[in-house]
């Protein structure tokens, strides 16, 4: 049962499991992944599940949990009367800039409420850095630093991704220096 006390991770697991039970694959990404990997140092306002299923199938799968369609006037947003977060379903595939994630590389977190499919910490950093480098979103850079400071990151994979995305080495060096500084002060 979802209440106002349900945590973000519990809610993510309940939604993820309901979708999986309906045969729908959905991957937690965005700010909710940042919240998960930073132990809520950053608090997301919503849960983004990247999913290619039709909205009507998503609605049917999560309706038993008490979710209703239509938050903010969009068909792929869902509200729950007790939950602190709304749930959004951006269409797939899971990608970071122009790089599409291999479904085999998606992480799984087992919880009492079910299994959450979620981007990895390294993918989470890619996601946030893509927003920073492509749209100059400073908050996304800060979130990428939080994740990289808190979790093990595959730096070689991150550098390869940055090169494929056309991100200058000096820009990635700046990010890496911010992470080192954050690790020293924490």
C-alpha atoms as a PDB file:
ATOM      1  CA  UNK A   1       0.000   0.000   0.000  1.00  0.00           C
ATOM      2  CA  UNK A   2       1.352   3.423  -0.959  1.00  0.00           C
ATOM      3  CA  UNK A   3       1.166   6.127   1.699  1.00  0.00           C
ATOM      4  CA  UNK A   4       2.700   9.560   2.234  1.00  0.00           C
ATOM      5  CA  UNK A   5       5.474   7.734   4.124  1.00  0.00           C
ATOM      6  CA  UNK A   6       6.420   5.508   1.179  1.00  0.00           C
ATOM      7  CA  UNK A   7      10.029   6.254   0.239  1.00  0.00           C
ATOM      8  CA  UNK A   8      11.167   7.052  -3.272  1.00  0.00           C
ATOM      9  CA  UNK A   9      12.921   3.685  -3.560  1.00  0.00           C
ATOM     10  CA  UNK A  10       9.863   1.808  -2.257  1.00  0.00           C
ATOM     11  CA  UNK A  11       7.635   3.637  -4.726  1.00  0.00           C
ATOM     12  CA  UNK A  12      10.069   2.950  -7.565  1.00  0.00           C
ATOM     13  CA  UNK A  13      10.111  -0.746  -6.675  1.00  0.00           C
ATOM     14  CA  UNK A  14       6.318  -0.998  -6.480  1.00  0.00           C
ATOM     15  CA  UNK A  15       5.875   0.711  -9.849  1.00  0.00           C
ATOM     16  CA  UNK A  16       8.719  -1.259 -11.443  1.00  0.00           C
ATOM     17  CA  UNK A  17       7.329  -4.556 -10.194  1.00  0.00           C
ATOM     18  CA  UNK A  18       3.770  -3.756 -11.315  1.00  0.00           C
ATOM     19  CA  UNK A  19       5.074  -2.939 -14.776  1.00  0.00           C
ATOM     20  CA  UNK A  20       7.237  -6.075 -14.911  1.00  0.00           C
ATOM     21  CA  UNK A  21       4.242  -8.198 -13.848  1.00  0.00           C
ATOM     22  CA  UNK A  22       2.374  -6.720 -16.832  1.00  0.00           C
ATOM     23  CA  UNK A  23       5.274  -7.553 -19.167  1.00  0.00           C
ATOM     24  CA  UNK A  24       6.416  -3.937 -19.456  1.00  0.00           C
ATOM     25  CA  UNK A  25      10.094  -3.060 -19.205  1.00  0.00           C
ATOM     26  CA  UNK A  26      10.744   0.378 -17.690  1.00  0.00           C
ATOM     27  CA  UNK A  27      14.080   1.781 -16.518  1.00  0.00           C
ATOM     28  CA  UNK A  28      14.337   4.305 -13.692  1.00  0.00           C
ATOM     29  CA  UNK A  29      16.439   7.282 -14.764  1.00  0.00           C
ATOM     30  CA  UNK A  30      16.740  11.030 -14.316  1.00  0.00           C
ATOM     31  CA  UNK A  31      16.540  12.690 -10.933  1.00  0.00           C
ATOM     32  CA  UNK A  32      15.152   9.593  -9.206  1.00  0.00           C
ATOM     33  CA  UNK A  33      18.299   7.678 -10.183  1.00  0.00           C
ATOM     34  CA  UNK A  34      20.369  10.563  -8.792  1.00  0.00           C
ATOM     35  CA  UNK A  35      18.333  10.417  -5.559  1.00  0.00           C
ATOM     36  CA  UNK A  36      18.891   6.664  -5.347  1.00  0.00           C
ATOM     37  CA  UNK A  37      22.640   6.867  -5.891  1.00  0.00           C
ATOM     38  CA  UNK A  38      23.162   9.829  -3.543  1.00  0.00           C
ATOM     39  CA  UNK A  39      21.000   8.459  -0.731  1.00  0.00           C
ATOM     40  CA  UNK A  40      18.644  11.400  -1.302  1.00  0.00           C
ATOM     41  CA  UNK A  41      21.319  14.103  -1.117  1.00  0.00           C
ATOM     42  CA  UNK A  42      19.484  15.273  -4.219  1.00  0.00           C
ATOM     43  CA  UNK A  43      15.717  14.866  -3.882  1.00  0.00           C
ATOM     44  CA  UNK A  44      13.813  14.320  -7.083  1.00  0.00           C
ATOM     45  CA  UNK A  45      10.285  15.646  -7.580  1.00  0.00           C
ATOM     46  CA  UNK A  46       9.298  12.708  -9.770  1.00  0.00           C
ATOM     47  CA  UNK A  47      10.210   9.233 -10.922  1.00  0.00           C
ATOM     48  CA  UNK A  48      11.155   8.956 -14.590  1.00  0.00           C
ATOM     49  CA  UNK A  49      10.777   5.465 -16.031  1.00  0.00           C
ATOM     50  CA  UNK A  50      12.015   5.261 -19.615  1.00  0.00           C
ATOM     51  CA  UNK A  51       9.509   2.998 -21.310  1.00  0.00           C
ATOM     52  CA  UNK A  52       8.300   2.348 -24.844  1.00  0.00           C
ATOM     53  CA  UNK A  53       4.936   0.882 -23.853  1.00  0.00           C
ATOM     54  CA  UNK A  54       1.773   2.740 -24.775  1.00  0.00           C
ATOM     55  CA  UNK A  55       0.366   4.991 -22.060  1.00  0.00           C
ATOM     56  CA  UNK A  56      -2.866   2.970 -21.888  1.00  0.00           C
ATOM     57  CA  UNK A  57      -0.899  -0.208 -21.061  1.00  0.00           C
ATOM     58  CA  UNK A  58       1.139   1.633 -18.434  1.00  0.00           C
ATOM     59  CA  UNK A  59      -2.091   3.011 -16.933  1.00  0.00           C
ATOM     60  CA  UNK A  60      -3.606  -0.468 -16.722  1.00  0.00           C
ATOM     61  CA  UNK A  61      -0.466  -1.881 -15.064  1.00  0.00           C
ATOM     62  CA  UNK A  62      -0.159   0.746 -12.324  1.00  0.00           C
ATOM     63  CA  UNK A  63      -3.858   1.474 -11.710  1.00  0.00           C
ATOM     64  CA  UNK A  64      -4.071  -1.274  -9.020  1.00  0.00           C
ATOM     65  CA  UNK A  65      -1.442   0.713  -7.077  1.00  0.00           C
ATOM     66  CA  UNK A  66      -3.778   3.730  -7.093  1.00  0.00           C
ATOM     67  CA  UNK A  67      -2.152   5.795  -9.858  1.00  0.00           C
ATOM     68  CA  UNK A  68      -4.269   7.932 -12.145  1.00  0.00           C
ATOM     69  CA  UNK A  69      -3.313   9.376 -15.502  1.00  0.00           C
ATOM     70  CA  UNK A  70      -3.002  13.020 -16.329  1.00  0.00           C
ATOM     71  CA  UNK A  71      -0.752  14.947 -13.951  1.00  0.00           C
ATOM     72  CA  UNK A  72       0.216  18.323 -15.393  1.00  0.00           C
ATOM     73  CA  UNK A  73      -2.058  17.647 -18.371  1.00  0.00           C
ATOM     74  CA  UNK A  74       0.254  15.079 -19.973  1.00  0.00           C
ATOM     75  CA  UNK A  75      -0.836  11.558 -20.883  1.00  0.00           C
ATOM     76  CA  UNK A  76       2.448   9.933 -19.767  1.00  0.00           C
ATOM     77  CA  UNK A  77       2.312  11.432 -16.241  1.00  0.00           C
ATOM     78  CA  UNK A  78       0.618   9.630 -13.383  1.00  0.00           C
ATOM     79  CA  UNK A  79      -0.369  10.796  -9.903  1.00  0.00           C
ATOM     80  CA  UNK A  80      -1.123   8.911  -6.720  1.00  0.00           C
ATOM     81  CA  UNK A  81      -3.258  10.602  -4.060  1.00  0.00           C
ATOM     82  CA  UNK A  82      -0.856   9.611  -1.267  1.00  0.00           C
ATOM     83  CA  UNK A  83       2.563   9.534  -2.949  1.00  0.00           C
ATOM     84  CA  UNK A  84       4.951  12.490  -2.632  1.00  0.00           C
ATOM     85  CA  UNK A  85       6.128  11.997  -6.226  1.00  0.00           C
ATOM     86  CA  UNK A  86       4.410  11.781  -9.554  1.00  0.00           C
ATOM     87  CA  UNK A  87       5.567   9.214 -12.107  1.00  0.00           C
ATOM     88  CA  UNK A  88       6.523  10.051 -15.676  1.00  0.00           C
ATOM     89  CA  UNK A  89       7.208   7.676 -18.566  1.00  0.00           C
ATOM     90  CA  UNK A  90       9.455   9.294 -21.174  1.00  0.00           C
ATOM     91  CA  UNK A  91       9.614   7.162 -24.321  1.00  0.00           C
ATOM     92  CA  UNK A  92      12.606   4.894 -24.916  1.00  0.00           C
ATOM     93  CA  UNK A  93      15.145   3.873 -25.700  1.00  0.00           C
ATOM     94  CA  UNK A  94      17.314   4.649 -22.686  1.00  0.00           C
ATOM     95  CA  UNK A  95      19.970   7.013 -24.010  1.00  0.00           C
ATOM     96  CA  UNK A  96      22.540   9.525 -22.861  1.00  0.00           C
ATOM     97  CA  UNK A  97      22.961  12.160 -25.516  1.00  0.00           C
ATOM     98  CA  UNK A  98      23.104  10.181 -28.755  1.00  0.00           C
ATOM     99  CA  UNK A  99      24.382   7.016 -27.049  1.00  0.00           C
ATOM    100  CA  UNK A 100      21.741   4.305 -26.608  1.00  0.00           C
ATOM    101  CA  UNK A 101      22.180   2.012 -23.597  1.00  0.00           C
ATOM    102  CA  UNK A 102      22.465  -1.713 -24.111  1.00  0.00           C
ATOM    103  CA  UNK A 103      19.560  -3.304 -22.165  1.00  0.00           C
ATOM    104  CA  UNK A 104      22.046  -5.835 -20.761  1.00  0.00           C
ATOM    105  CA  UNK A 105      23.951  -2.989 -19.078  1.00  0.00           C
ATOM    106  CA  UNK A 106      20.978  -1.776 -17.035  1.00  0.00           C
ATOM    107  CA  UNK A 107      21.318  -2.301 -13.273  1.00  0.00           C
ATOM    108  CA  UNK A 108      18.840  -4.119 -11.064  1.00  0.00           C
ATOM    109  CA  UNK A 109      18.183  -3.322  -7.431  1.00  0.00           C
ATOM    110  CA  UNK A 110      16.310  -5.977  -5.484  1.00  0.00           C
ATOM    111  CA  UNK A 111      14.068  -4.664  -2.701  1.00  0.00           C
ATOM    112  CA  UNK A 112      11.330  -6.104  -0.512  1.00  0.00           C
ATOM    113  CA  UNK A 113       8.777  -4.450  -2.815  1.00  0.00           C
ATOM    114  CA  UNK A 114      10.284  -5.793  -6.048  1.00  0.00           C
ATOM    115  CA  UNK A 115      13.153  -5.308  -8.451  1.00  0.00           C
ATOM    116  CA  UNK A 116      13.967  -1.891  -9.861  1.00  0.00           C
ATOM    117  CA  UNK A 117      15.502  -1.635 -13.315  1.00  0.00           C
ATOM    118  CA  UNK A 118      17.712   1.462 -13.091  1.00  0.00           C
ATOM    119  CA  UNK A 119      20.501   3.096 -15.032  1.00  0.00           C
ATOM    120  CA  UNK A 120      23.921   2.378 -13.511  1.00  0.00           C
ATOM    121  CA  UNK A 121      25.812   5.061 -11.571  1.00  0.00           C
ATOM    122  CA  UNK A 122      28.076   5.613 -14.603  1.00  0.00           C
ATOM    123  CA  UNK A 123      25.045   5.902 -16.900  1.00  0.00           C
ATOM    124  CA  UNK A 124      23.474   8.295 -14.389  1.00  0.00           C
ATOM    125  CA  UNK A 125      26.564  10.508 -14.632  1.00  0.00           C
ATOM    126  CA  UNK A 126      26.368  10.318 -18.447  1.00  0.00           C
ATOM    127  CA  UNK A 127      22.703  11.311 -18.315  1.00  0.00           C
ATOM    128  CA  UNK A 128      23.392  14.319 -16.115  1.00  0.00           C
ATOM    129  CA  UNK A 129      26.501  15.362 -18.045  1.00  0.00           C
ATOM    130  CA  UNK A 130      24.577  15.152 -21.325  1.00  0.00           C
ATOM    131  CA  UNK A 131      22.126  17.722 -19.934  1.00  0.00           C
ATOM    132  CA  UNK A 132      24.963  19.886 -18.697  1.00  0.00           C
ATOM    133  CA  UNK A 133      27.064  19.814 -21.872  1.00  0.00           C
ATOM    134  CA  UNK A 134      24.170  20.077 -24.323  1.00  0.00           C
ATOM    135  CA  UNK A 135      21.921  22.571 -22.463  1.00  0.00           C
ATOM    136  CA  UNK A 136      24.318  24.195 -19.956  1.00  0.00           C
ATOM    137  CA  UNK A 137      22.165  22.881 -17.093  1.00  0.00           C
ATOM    138  CA  UNK A 138      24.277  23.653 -14.009  1.00  0.00           C
ATOM    139  CA  UNK A 139      22.023  21.614 -11.708  1.00  0.00           C
ATOM    140  CA  UNK A 140      22.713  18.527 -13.830  1.00  0.00           C
ATOM    141  CA  UNK A 141      26.471  19.049 -13.440  1.00  0.00           C
ATOM    142  CA  UNK A 142      26.046  19.312  -9.667  1.00  0.00           C
ATOM    143  CA  UNK A 143      24.009  16.089  -9.664  1.00  0.00           C
ATOM    144  CA  UNK A 144      26.661  14.295 -11.747  1.00  0.00           C
ATOM    145  CA  UNK A 145      29.289  15.344  -9.206  1.00  0.00           C
ATOM    146  CA  UNK A 146      27.109  14.063  -6.343  1.00  0.00           C
ATOM    147  CA  UNK A 147      26.723  10.657  -7.989  1.00  0.00           C
ATOM    148  CA  UNK A 148      30.409  10.346  -8.940  1.00  0.00           C
ATOM    149  CA  UNK A 149      31.437  11.328  -5.411  1.00  0.00           C
ATOM    150  CA  UNK A 150      29.037   8.798  -3.854  1.00  0.00           C
ATOM    151  CA  UNK A 151      29.411   5.796  -6.155  1.00  0.00           C
ATOM    152  CA  UNK A 152      32.022   3.861  -8.094  1.00  0.00           C
ATOM    153  CA  UNK A 153      32.153   5.239 -11.628  1.00  0.00           C
ATOM    154  CA  UNK A 154      33.670   3.520 -14.661  1.00  0.00           C
ATOM    155  CA  UNK A 155      35.894   6.422 -15.722  1.00  0.00           C
ATOM    156  CA  UNK A 156      37.181   4.661 -18.860  1.00  0.00           C
ATOM    157  CA  UNK A 157      33.626   4.087 -20.069  1.00  0.00           C
ATOM    158  CA  UNK A 158      32.711   7.678 -19.193  1.00  0.00           C
ATOM    159  CA  UNK A 159      35.673   9.033 -21.177  1.00  0.00           C
ATOM    160  CA  UNK A 160      34.832   6.838 -24.169  1.00  0.00           C
ATOM    161  CA  UNK A 161      31.225   8.051 -24.049  1.00  0.00           C
ATOM    162  CA  UNK A 162      32.342  11.702 -23.821  1.00  0.00           C
ATOM    163  CA  UNK A 163      34.583  11.293 -26.885  1.00  0.00           C
ATOM    164  CA  UNK A 164      31.704   9.711 -28.849  1.00  0.00           C
ATOM    165  CA  UNK A 165      29.459  12.611 -27.835  1.00  0.00           C
ATOM    166  CA  UNK A 166      32.034  15.176 -28.956  1.00  0.00           C
ATOM    167  CA  UNK A 167      32.625  16.479 -25.443  1.00  0.00           C
ATOM    168  CA  UNK A 168      35.998  18.155 -25.180  1.00  0.00           C
ATOM    169  CA  UNK A 169      38.621  16.527 -22.961  1.00  0.00           C
ATOM    170  CA  UNK A 170      39.049  19.760 -20.992  1.00  0.00           C
ATOM    171  CA  UNK A 171      35.331  19.753 -20.164  1.00  0.00           C
ATOM    172  CA  UNK A 172      35.502  16.222 -18.804  1.00  0.00           C
ATOM    173  CA  UNK A 173      38.716  17.146 -16.928  1.00  0.00           C
ATOM    174  CA  UNK A 174      36.776  20.008 -15.297  1.00  0.00           C
ATOM    175  CA  UNK A 175      34.099  17.554 -14.179  1.00  0.00           C
ATOM    176  CA  UNK A 176      36.695  15.120 -12.829  1.00  0.00           C
ATOM    177  CA  UNK A 177      38.394  17.930 -10.871  1.00  0.00           C
ATOM    178  CA  UNK A 178      35.023  18.886  -9.347  1.00  0.00           C
ATOM    179  CA  UNK A 179      34.499  15.273  -8.281  1.00  0.00           C
ATOM    180  CA  UNK A 180      37.973  15.054  -6.667  1.00  0.00           C
ATOM    181  CA  UNK A 181      37.390  18.327  -4.821  1.00  0.00           C
ATOM    182  CA  UNK A 182      33.981  17.110  -3.601  1.00  0.00           C
ATOM    183  CA  UNK A 183      35.505  13.818  -2.398  1.00  0.00           C
ATOM    184  CA  UNK A 184      38.213  15.716  -0.486  1.00  0.00           C
ATOM    185  CA  UNK A 185      35.686  17.905   1.327  1.00  0.00           C
ATOM    186  CA  UNK A 186      33.225  15.144   2.224  1.00  0.00           C
END
